[in-house]
Full PDB file with SEQRES, HELIX, SHEET, SSBOND, CRYST1, ORIGX, SCALE, CONECT and MASTER records, all heavy atoms in Angstrom:
SEQRES   1 A   30  SER CYS ALA ALA SER GLY SER ILE PHE SER ILE ILE ALA          
SEQRES   2 A   30  MET GLY TRP TYR ARG GLN ALA PRO GLY LYS GLN ARG GLU          
SEQRES   3 A   30  LEU VAL ALA GLY                                              
SHEET    1 AA1 2 TRP A  16  ARG A  18  0                                        
SHEET    2 AA1 2 GLU A  26  ALA A  29 -1                                        
CRYST1    1.000    1.000    1.000  90.00  90.00  90.00 P 1           1          
ORIGX1      1.000000  0.000000  0.000000        0.00000                         
ORIGX2      0.000000  1.000000  0.000000        0.00000                         
ORIGX3      0.000000  0.000000  1.000000        0.00000                         
SCALE1      1.000000  0.000000  0.000000        0.00000                         
SCALE2      0.000000  1.000000  0.000000        0.00000                         
SCALE3      0.000000  0.000000  1.000000        0.00000                         
ATOM      1  N   SER A   1      94.285  86.996 118.019  1.00  0.00           N  
ATOM      2  CA  SER A   1      93.413  87.039 116.896  1.00  0.00           C  
ATOM      3  C   SER A   1      93.136  88.284 116.395  1.00  0.00           C  
ATOM      4  O   SER A   1      93.109  89.360 117.104  1.00  0.00           O  
ATOM      5  CB  SER A   1      92.088  86.288 117.254  1.00  0.00           C  
ATOM      6  OG  SER A   1      92.293  84.990 117.702  1.00  0.00           O  
ATOM      7  N   CYS A   2      93.016  88.469 115.051  1.00  0.00           N  
ATOM      8  CA  CYS A   2      92.595  89.739 114.343  1.00  0.00           C  
ATOM      9  C   CYS A   2      91.442  89.431 113.455  1.00  0.00           C  
ATOM     10  O   CYS A   2      91.636  88.858 112.455  1.00  0.00           O  
ATOM     11  CB  CYS A   2      93.785  90.275 113.591  1.00  0.00           C  
ATOM     12  SG  CYS A   2      93.443  91.643 112.630  1.00  0.00           S  
ATOM     13  N   ALA A   3      90.185  89.911 113.809  1.00  0.00           N  
ATOM     14  CA  ALA A   3      89.009  89.742 113.040  1.00  0.00           C  
ATOM     15  C   ALA A   3      88.654  90.983 112.304  1.00  0.00           C  
ATOM     16  O   ALA A   3      88.518  92.117 112.923  1.00  0.00           O  
ATOM     17  CB  ALA A   3      87.867  89.342 114.031  1.00  0.00           C  
ATOM     18  N   ALA A   4      88.584  90.782 110.963  1.00  0.00           N  
ATOM     19  CA  ALA A   4      88.231  91.793 110.011  1.00  0.00           C  
ATOM     20  C   ALA A   4      86.736  91.834 109.729  1.00  0.00           C  
ATOM     21  O   ALA A   4      86.204  90.751 109.493  1.00  0.00           O  
ATOM     22  CB  ALA A   4      89.034  91.839 108.681  1.00  0.00           C  
ATOM     23  N   SER A   5      86.079  92.893 109.710  1.00  0.00           N  
ATOM     24  CA  SER A   5      84.686  92.974 109.384  1.00  0.00           C  
ATOM     25  C   SER A   5      84.361  94.254 108.577  1.00  0.00           C  
ATOM     26  O   SER A   5      85.104  95.155 108.549  1.00  0.00           O  
ATOM     27  CB  SER A   5      83.854  92.863 110.603  1.00  0.00           C  
ATOM     28  OG  SER A   5      83.939  93.992 111.444  1.00  0.00           O  
ATOM     29  N   GLY A   6      83.213  94.079 107.943  1.00  0.00           N  
ATOM     30  CA  GLY A   6      82.727  95.200 107.121  1.00  0.00           C  
ATOM     31  C   GLY A   6      82.656  94.893 105.731  1.00  0.00           C  
ATOM     32  O   GLY A   6      82.486  93.817 105.255  1.00  0.00           O  
ATOM     33  N   SER A   7      82.897  95.904 104.800  1.00  0.00           N  
ATOM     34  CA  SER A   7      82.847  95.717 103.420  1.00  0.00           C  
ATOM     35  C   SER A   7      84.243  95.180 102.953  1.00  0.00           C  
ATOM     36  O   SER A   7      85.157  95.920 102.454  1.00  0.00           O  
ATOM     37  CB  SER A   7      82.515  97.054 102.600  1.00  0.00           C  
ATOM     38  OG  SER A   7      81.390  97.577 103.054  1.00  0.00           O  
ATOM     39  N   ILE A   8      84.293  93.891 102.870  1.00  0.00           N  
ATOM     40  CA  ILE A   8      85.483  93.183 102.484  1.00  0.00           C  
ATOM     41  C   ILE A   8      85.328  92.287 101.270  1.00  0.00           C  
ATOM     42  O   ILE A   8      84.545  91.422 101.225  1.00  0.00           O  
ATOM     43  CB  ILE A   8      86.006  92.314 103.609  1.00  0.00           C  
ATOM     44  CG1 ILE A   8      86.344  93.152 104.848  1.00  0.00           C  
ATOM     45  CG2 ILE A   8      87.293  91.552 103.238  1.00  0.00           C  
ATOM     46  CD1 ILE A   8      86.671  92.335 106.076  1.00  0.00           C  
ATOM     47  N   PHE A   9      86.066  92.561 100.206  1.00  0.00           N  
ATOM     48  CA  PHE A   9      86.042  91.744  99.024  1.00  0.00           C  
ATOM     49  C   PHE A   9      87.149  90.706  99.198  1.00  0.00           C  
ATOM     50  O   PHE A   9      86.937  89.551  98.888  1.00  0.00           O  
ATOM     51  CB  PHE A   9      86.224  92.516  97.750  1.00  0.00           C  
ATOM     52  CG  PHE A   9      86.236  91.697  96.497  1.00  0.00           C  
ATOM     53  CD1 PHE A   9      85.035  91.200  96.008  1.00  0.00           C  
ATOM     54  CD2 PHE A   9      87.386  91.388  95.919  1.00  0.00           C  
ATOM     55  CE1 PHE A   9      85.099  90.495  94.864  1.00  0.00           C  
ATOM     56  CE2 PHE A   9      87.447  90.683  94.771  1.00  0.00           C  
ATOM     57  CZ  PHE A   9      86.348  90.141  94.261  1.00  0.00           C  
ATOM     58  N   SER A  10      88.291  91.205  99.542  1.00  0.00           N  
ATOM     59  CA  SER A  10      89.446  90.277  99.795  1.00  0.00           C  
ATOM     60  C   SER A  10      90.511  90.891 100.631  1.00  0.00           C  
ATOM     61  O   SER A  10      90.571  92.081 100.654  1.00  0.00           O  
ATOM     62  CB  SER A  10      90.033  89.768  98.384  1.00  0.00           C  
ATOM     63  OG  SER A  10      90.659  90.899  97.725  1.00  0.00           O  
ATOM     64  N   ILE A  11      91.160  90.006 101.362  1.00  0.00           N  
ATOM     65  CA  ILE A  11      92.294  90.531 102.195  1.00  0.00           C  
ATOM     66  C   ILE A  11      93.560  90.135 101.471  1.00  0.00           C  
ATOM     67  O   ILE A  11      93.874  88.973 101.268  1.00  0.00           O  
ATOM     68  CB  ILE A  11      92.228  89.892 103.673  1.00  0.00           C  
ATOM     69  CG1 ILE A  11      91.038  90.332 104.307  1.00  0.00           C  
ATOM     70  CG2 ILE A  11      93.476  90.369 104.355  1.00  0.00           C  
ATOM     71  CD1 ILE A  11      90.734  89.619 105.682  1.00  0.00           C  
ATOM     72  N   ILE A  12      94.342  91.146 101.143  1.00  0.00           N  
ATOM     73  CA  ILE A  12      95.506  91.000 100.276  1.00  0.00           C  
ATOM     74  C   ILE A  12      96.704  90.466 101.171  1.00  0.00           C  
ATOM     75  O   ILE A  12      97.417  89.652 100.805  1.00  0.00           O  
ATOM     76  CB  ILE A  12      95.970  92.189  99.548  1.00  0.00           C  
ATOM     77  CG1 ILE A  12      94.818  92.796  98.705  1.00  0.00           C  
ATOM     78  CG2 ILE A  12      97.157  91.946  98.691  1.00  0.00           C  
ATOM     79  CD1 ILE A  12      94.276  91.810  97.731  1.00  0.00           C  
ATOM     80  N   ALA A  13      96.778  91.047 102.301  1.00  0.00           N  
ATOM     81  CA  ALA A  13      97.905  90.637 103.243  1.00  0.00           C  
ATOM     82  C   ALA A  13      97.462  91.053 104.673  1.00  0.00           C  
ATOM     83  O   ALA A  13      96.588  92.003 104.867  1.00  0.00           O  
ATOM     84  CB  ALA A  13      99.115  91.386 102.914  1.00  0.00           C  
ATOM     85  N   MET A  14      98.023  90.416 105.570  1.00  0.00           N  
ATOM     86  CA  MET A  14      97.807  90.742 107.005  1.00  0.00           C  
ATOM     87  C   MET A  14      99.044  90.618 107.824  1.00  0.00           C  
ATOM     88  O   MET A  14      99.824  89.686 107.495  1.00  0.00           O  
ATOM     89  CB  MET A  14      96.684  89.839 107.609  1.00  0.00           C  
ATOM     90  CG  MET A  14      96.308  90.029 109.060  1.00  0.00           C  
ATOM     91  SD  MET A  14      94.888  89.137 109.586  1.00  0.00           S  
ATOM     92  CE  MET A  14      93.495  89.974 108.684  1.00  0.00           C  
ATOM     93  N   GLY A  15      99.251  91.514 108.792  1.00  0.00           N  
ATOM     94  CA  GLY A  15     100.419  91.309 109.575  1.00  0.00           C  
ATOM     95  C   GLY A  15     100.207  91.842 111.045  1.00  0.00           C  
ATOM     96  O   GLY A  15      99.261  92.434 111.330  1.00  0.00           O  
ATOM     97  N   TRP A  16     101.270  91.551 111.777  1.00  0.00           N  
ATOM     98  CA  TRP A  16     101.250  91.966 113.260  1.00  0.00           C  
ATOM     99  C   TRP A  16     102.428  92.909 113.436  1.00  0.00           C  
ATOM    100  O   TRP A  16     103.581  92.462 113.062  1.00  0.00           O  
ATOM    101  CB  TRP A  16     101.290  90.801 114.098  1.00  0.00           C  
ATOM    102  CG  TRP A  16      99.970  89.955 114.060  1.00  0.00           C  
ATOM    103  CD1 TRP A  16      99.736  88.833 113.332  1.00  0.00           C  
ATOM    104  CD2 TRP A  16      98.874  90.200 114.967  1.00  0.00           C  
ATOM    105  NE1 TRP A  16      98.488  88.426 113.640  1.00  0.00           N  
ATOM    106  CE2 TRP A  16      97.955  89.157 114.708  1.00  0.00           C  
ATOM    107  CE3 TRP A  16      98.600  91.040 115.995  1.00  0.00           C  
ATOM    108  CZ2 TRP A  16      96.656  89.130 115.302  1.00  0.00           C  
ATOM    109  CZ3 TRP A  16      97.387  90.989 116.596  1.00  0.00           C  
ATOM    110  CH2 TRP A  16      96.427  89.971 116.209  1.00  0.00           C  
ATOM    111  N   TYR A  17     102.183  93.910 114.069  1.00  0.00           N  
ATOM    112  CA  TYR A  17     103.287  94.835 114.506  1.00  0.00           C  
ATOM    113  C   TYR A  17     103.196  94.981 116.090  1.00  0.00           C  
ATOM    114  O   TYR A  17     102.272  94.646 116.655  1.00  0.00           O  
ATOM    115  CB  TYR A  17     103.058  96.253 113.923  1.00  0.00           C  
ATOM    116  CG  TYR A  17     103.241  96.343 112.443  1.00  0.00           C  
ATOM    117  CD1 TYR A  17     102.274  95.906 111.584  1.00  0.00           C  
ATOM    118  CD2 TYR A  17     104.347  96.943 111.929  1.00  0.00           C  
ATOM    119  CE1 TYR A  17     102.451  96.015 110.175  1.00  0.00           C  
ATOM    120  CE2 TYR A  17     104.615  97.047 110.534  1.00  0.00           C  
ATOM    121  CZ  TYR A  17     103.560  96.598 109.737  1.00  0.00           C  
ATOM    122  OH  TYR A  17     103.777  96.751 108.337  1.00  0.00           O  
ATOM    123  N   ARG A  18     104.249  95.429 116.730  1.00  0.00           N  
ATOM    124  CA  ARG A  18     104.355  95.636 118.091  1.00  0.00           C  
ATOM    125  C   ARG A  18     105.071  96.987 118.425  1.00  0.00           C  
ATOM    126  O   ARG A  18     105.989  97.402 117.613  1.00  0.00           O  
ATOM    127  CB  ARG A  18     104.947  94.590 118.855  1.00  0.00           C  
ATOM    128  CG  ARG A  18     106.448  94.260 118.642  1.00  0.00           C  
ATOM    129  CD  ARG A  18     106.822  93.011 119.301  1.00  0.00           C  
ATOM    130  NE  ARG A  18     108.144  92.646 119.172  1.00  0.00           N  
ATOM    131  CZ  ARG A  18     108.829  91.561 119.581  1.00  0.00           C  
ATOM    132  NH1 ARG A  18     108.157  90.640 120.165  1.00  0.00           N  
ATOM    133  NH2 ARG A  18     110.113  91.409 119.334  1.00  0.00           N  
ATOM    134  N   GLN A  19     104.579  97.621 119.492  1.00  0.00           N  
ATOM    135  CA  GLN A  19     105.031  98.826 119.927  1.00  0.00           C  
ATOM    136  C   GLN A  19     105.467  98.738 121.411  1.00  0.00           C  
ATOM    137  O   GLN A  19     104.351  98.482 122.240  1.00  0.00           O  
ATOM    138  CB  GLN A  19     104.123 100.022 119.656  1.00  0.00           C  
ATOM    139  CG  GLN A  19     104.665 101.367 120.032  1.00  0.00           C  
ATOM    140  CD  GLN A  19     105.177 102.232 118.957  1.00  0.00           C  
ATOM    141  OE1 GLN A  19     104.462 102.404 117.871  1.00  0.00           O  
ATOM    142  NE2 GLN A  19     106.448 102.502 119.071  1.00  0.00           N  
ATOM    143  N   ALA A  20     106.603  98.892 121.824  1.00  0.00           N  
ATOM    144  CA  ALA A  20     106.954  98.851 123.169  1.00  0.00           C  
ATOM    145  C   ALA A  20     107.445 100.225 123.628  1.00  0.00           C  
ATOM    146  O   ALA A  20     107.986 100.971 122.800  1.00  0.00           O  
ATOM    147  CB  ALA A  20     108.098  97.893 123.550  1.00  0.00           C  
ATOM    148  N   PRO A  21     107.359 100.639 124.895  1.00  0.00           N  
ATOM    149  CA  PRO A  21     107.626 101.984 125.290  1.00  0.00           C  
ATOM    150  C   PRO A  21     109.182 102.286 125.041  1.00  0.00           C  
ATOM    151  O   PRO A  21     110.083 101.453 125.248  1.00  0.00           O  
ATOM    152  CB  PRO A  21     107.471 101.940 126.842  1.00  0.00           C  
ATOM    153  CG  PRO A  21     106.377 100.936 126.981  1.00  0.00           C  
ATOM    154  CD  PRO A  21     106.642  99.875 125.911  1.00  0.00           C  
ATOM    155  N   GLY A  22     109.480 103.393 124.374  1.00  0.00           N  
ATOM    156  CA  GLY A  22     110.794 103.673 124.060  1.00  0.00           C  
ATOM    157  C   GLY A  22     111.400 103.053 122.809  1.00  0.00           C  
ATOM    158  O   GLY A  22     112.588 103.301 122.570  1.00  0.00           O  
ATOM    159  N   LYS A  23     110.554 102.324 122.194  1.00  0.00           N  
ATOM    160  CA  LYS A  23     111.119 101.661 120.949  1.00  0.00           C  
ATOM    161  C   LYS A  23     110.253 101.922 119.804  1.00  0.00           C  
ATOM    162  O   LYS A  23     109.040 102.325 119.815  1.00  0.00           O  
ATOM    163  CB  LYS A  23     111.048 100.156 121.224  1.00  0.00           C  
ATOM    164  CG  LYS A  23     111.989  99.621 122.217  1.00  0.00           C  
ATOM    165  CD  LYS A  23     111.908  98.075 122.343  1.00  0.00           C  
ATOM    166  CE  LYS A  23     112.938  97.582 123.352  1.00  0.00           C  
ATOM    167  NZ  LYS A  23     112.890  96.035 123.550  1.00  0.00           N  
ATOM    168  N   GLN A  24     110.930 101.783 118.608  1.00  0.00           N  
ATOM    169  CA  GLN A  24     110.083 101.908 117.426  1.00  0.00           C  
ATOM    170  C   GLN A  24     109.135 100.810 117.100  1.00  0.00           C  
ATOM    171  O   GLN A  24     109.349  99.681 117.473  1.00  0.00           O  
ATOM    172  CB  GLN A  24     111.120 102.112 116.214  1.00  0.00           C  
ATOM    173  CG  GLN A  24     112.053 103.253 116.231  1.00  0.00           C  
ATOM    174  CD  GLN A  24     111.356 104.603 115.910  1.00  0.00           C  
ATOM    175  OE1 GLN A  24     110.508 104.630 114.939  1.00  0.00           O  
ATOM    176  NE2 GLN A  24     111.726 105.505 116.634  1.00  0.00           N  
ATOM    177  N   ARG A  25     108.082 101.155 116.407  1.00  0.00           N  
ATOM    178  CA  ARG A  25     107.117 100.081 116.013  1.00  0.00           C  
ATOM    179  C   ARG A  25     107.791  99.197 115.049  1.00  0.00           C  
ATOM    180  O   ARG A  25     108.414  99.629 114.065  1.00  0.00           O  
ATOM    181  CB  ARG A  25     105.958 100.734 115.384  1.00  0.00           C  
ATOM    182  CG  ARG A  25     104.879  99.693 114.944  1.00  0.00           C  
ATOM    183  CD  ARG A  25     103.502 100.350 114.421  1.00  0.00           C  
ATOM    184  NE  ARG A  25     102.882 101.104 115.461  1.00  0.00           N  
ATOM    185  CZ  ARG A  25     101.825 101.873 115.234  1.00  0.00           C  
ATOM    186  NH1 ARG A  25     101.348 101.948 114.043  1.00  0.00           N  
ATOM    187  NH2 ARG A  25     101.328 102.520 116.246  1.00  0.00           N  
ATOM    188  N   GLU A  26     107.687  97.899 115.204  1.00  0.00           N  
ATOM    189  CA  GLU A  26     108.329  96.957 114.379  1.00  0.00           C  
ATOM    190  C   GLU A  26     107.351  95.864 113.755  1.00  0.00           C  
ATOM    191  O   GLU A  26     106.344  95.500 114.496  1.00  0.00           O  
ATOM    192  CB  GLU A  26     109.531  96.211 114.974  1.00  0.00           C  
ATOM    193  CG  GLU A  26     109.050  95.340 116.182  1.00  0.00           C  
ATOM    194  CD  GLU A  26     110.257  94.553 116.716  1.00  0.00           C  
ATOM    195  OE1 GLU A  26     111.160  94.218 115.984  1.00  0.00           O  
ATOM    196  OE2 GLU A  26     110.116  94.110 117.847  1.00  0.00           O  
ATOM    197  N   LEU A  27     107.574  95.410 112.577  1.00  0.00           N  
ATOM    198  CA  LEU A  27     106.841  94.329 112.065  1.00  0.00           C  
ATOM    199  C   LEU A  27     107.253  92.970 112.641  1.00  0.00           C  
ATOM    200  O   LEU A  27     108.442  92.626 112.702  1.00  0.00           O  
ATOM    201  CB  LEU A  27     107.050  94.250 110.539  1.00  0.00           C  
ATOM    202  CG  LEU A  27     106.402  93.142 109.765  1.00  0.00           C  
ATOM    203  CD1 LEU A  27     104.823  93.216 109.920  1.00  0.00           C  
ATOM    204  CD2 LEU A  27     106.791  92.982 108.291  1.00  0.00           C  
ATOM    205  N   VAL A  28     106.291  92.349 113.219  1.00  0.00           N  
ATOM    206  CA  VAL A  28     106.570  91.097 113.853  1.00  0.00           C  
ATOM    207  C   VAL A  28     106.494  89.905 112.833  1.00  0.00           C  
ATOM    208  O   VAL A  28     107.348  89.015 112.872  1.00  0.00           O  
ATOM    209  CB  VAL A  28     105.703  90.830 115.033  1.00  0.00           C  
ATOM    210  CG1 VAL A  28     105.894  89.495 115.681  1.00  0.00           C  
ATOM    211  CG2 VAL A  28     105.863  91.946 116.093  1.00  0.00           C  
ATOM    212  N   ALA A  29     105.428  89.805 112.191  1.00  0.00           N  
ATOM    213  CA  ALA A  29     105.064  88.832 111.214  1.00  0.00           C  
ATOM    214  C   ALA A  29     104.089  89.280 110.230  1.00  0.00           C  
ATOM    215  O   ALA A  29     103.196  90.145 110.470  1.00  0.00           O  
ATOM    216  CB  ALA A  29     104.602  87.595 111.880  1.00  0.00           C  
ATOM    217  N   GLY A  30     104.158  88.803 108.958  1.00  0.00           N  
ATOM    218  CA  GLY A  30     103.232  89.057 107.991  1.00  0.00           C  
ATOM    219  C   GLY A  30     102.927  87.885 107.070  1.00  0.00           C  
ATOM    220  O   GLY A  30     103.798  86.988 106.968  1.00  0.00           O  
TER     221      GLY A  30                                                      
MASTER        0    0    0    0    2    0    0    6  220    1    0    3          
END                                                                             
């Protein structure tokens, strides 16, 4: 889960990235 809080008018897009040791950060899903 990813909960956003604060001064939010709208969320245009949301995504998940992952970072493993020795690997580049990659986009998992958006």
